[in-house]
């Protein structure tokens, strides 16, 4: 890759971080806190995916 392309990508990436950082900081400070039921709602589908992958591996 040419050097000017690397420099351009680095500048664009830096600008992206500068524009996204304040909004991400605000979202982290003002987001609702997770409760026990929220974690259960995440773990049940995740467990289903893990079991499905184990099934696929065992069938090979």
Protein backbone atom coordinates (compact mmCIF):
# COMPACT_ATOMS: atom_id res chain seq x y z
CA UNK A 1 0.00 0.00 0.00
CA UNK A 2 1.29 3.43 -0.84
CA UNK A 3 2.44 5.70 1.96
CA UNK A 4 -0.07 8.45 1.12
CA UNK A 5 -2.92 5.96 1.49
CA UNK A 6 -1.68 4.89 4.93
CA UNK A 7 -1.45 8.51 6.03
CA UNK A 8 -4.94 9.25 4.68
CA UNK A 9 -6.41 6.23 6.47
CA UNK A 10 -4.69 7.23 9.71
CA UNK A 11 -6.09 10.77 9.46
CA UNK A 12 -9.60 9.50 8.71
CA UNK A 13 -9.44 7.01 11.58
CA UNK A 14 -8.29 9.76 13.94
CA UNK A 15 -11.13 12.03 12.81
CA UNK A 16 -13.63 9.22 13.31
CA UNK A 17 -12.43 8.68 16.87
CA UNK A 18 -12.63 12.42 17.59
CA UNK A 19 -16.23 12.60 16.33
CA UNK A 20 -17.42 9.39 17.99
CA UNK A 21 -15.70 9.81 21.39
CA UNK A 22 -18.05 12.45 22.94
CA UNK A 23 -21.18 10.58 21.91
CA UNK A 24 -19.84 7.25 23.17
CA UNK A 25 -18.88 8.84 26.49
CA UNK A 26 -22.39 10.28 26.84
CA UNK A 27 -23.98 6.94 25.99
CA UNK A 28 -21.91 5.12 28.61
CA UNK A 29 -22.79 7.63 31.33
CA UNK A 30 -26.54 7.77 30.58
CA UNK A 31 -27.27 4.14 29.70
CA UNK A 32 -29.61 2.08 31.89
CA UNK A 33 -27.97 -0.39 34.25
CA UNK A 34 -28.44 -4.11 33.63
CA UNK A 35 -30.44 -6.21 36.07
CA UNK A 36 -30.48 -9.95 36.74
CA UNK A 37 -33.33 -10.57 34.32
CA UNK A 38 -31.40 -8.79 31.57
CA UNK A 39 -28.48 -11.16 32.03
CA UNK A 40 -30.79 -14.18 31.89
CA UNK A 41 -32.25 -12.88 28.63
CA UNK A 42 -28.73 -12.81 27.17
CA UNK A 43 -27.49 -16.11 28.59
CA UNK A 44 -30.38 -18.29 27.40
CA UNK A 45 -29.91 -17.59 23.65
CA UNK A 46 -26.14 -17.73 24.09
CA UNK A 47 -26.43 -21.14 25.70
CA UNK A 48 -28.63 -22.25 22.80
CA UNK A 49 -26.00 -21.16 20.28
CA UNK A 50 -23.24 -22.97 22.20
CA UNK A 51 -25.30 -26.16 22.34
CA UNK A 52 -26.08 -25.91 18.63
CA UNK A 53 -22.37 -25.51 17.79
CA UNK A 54 -21.53 -28.48 20.00
CA UNK A 55 -24.16 -30.51 18.12
CA UNK A 56 -22.66 -29.52 14.79
CA UNK A 57 -19.16 -30.42 15.97
CA UNK A 58 -20.31 -33.80 17.28
CA UNK A 59 -21.96 -34.60 13.93
CA UNK A 60 -18.66 -34.24 12.04
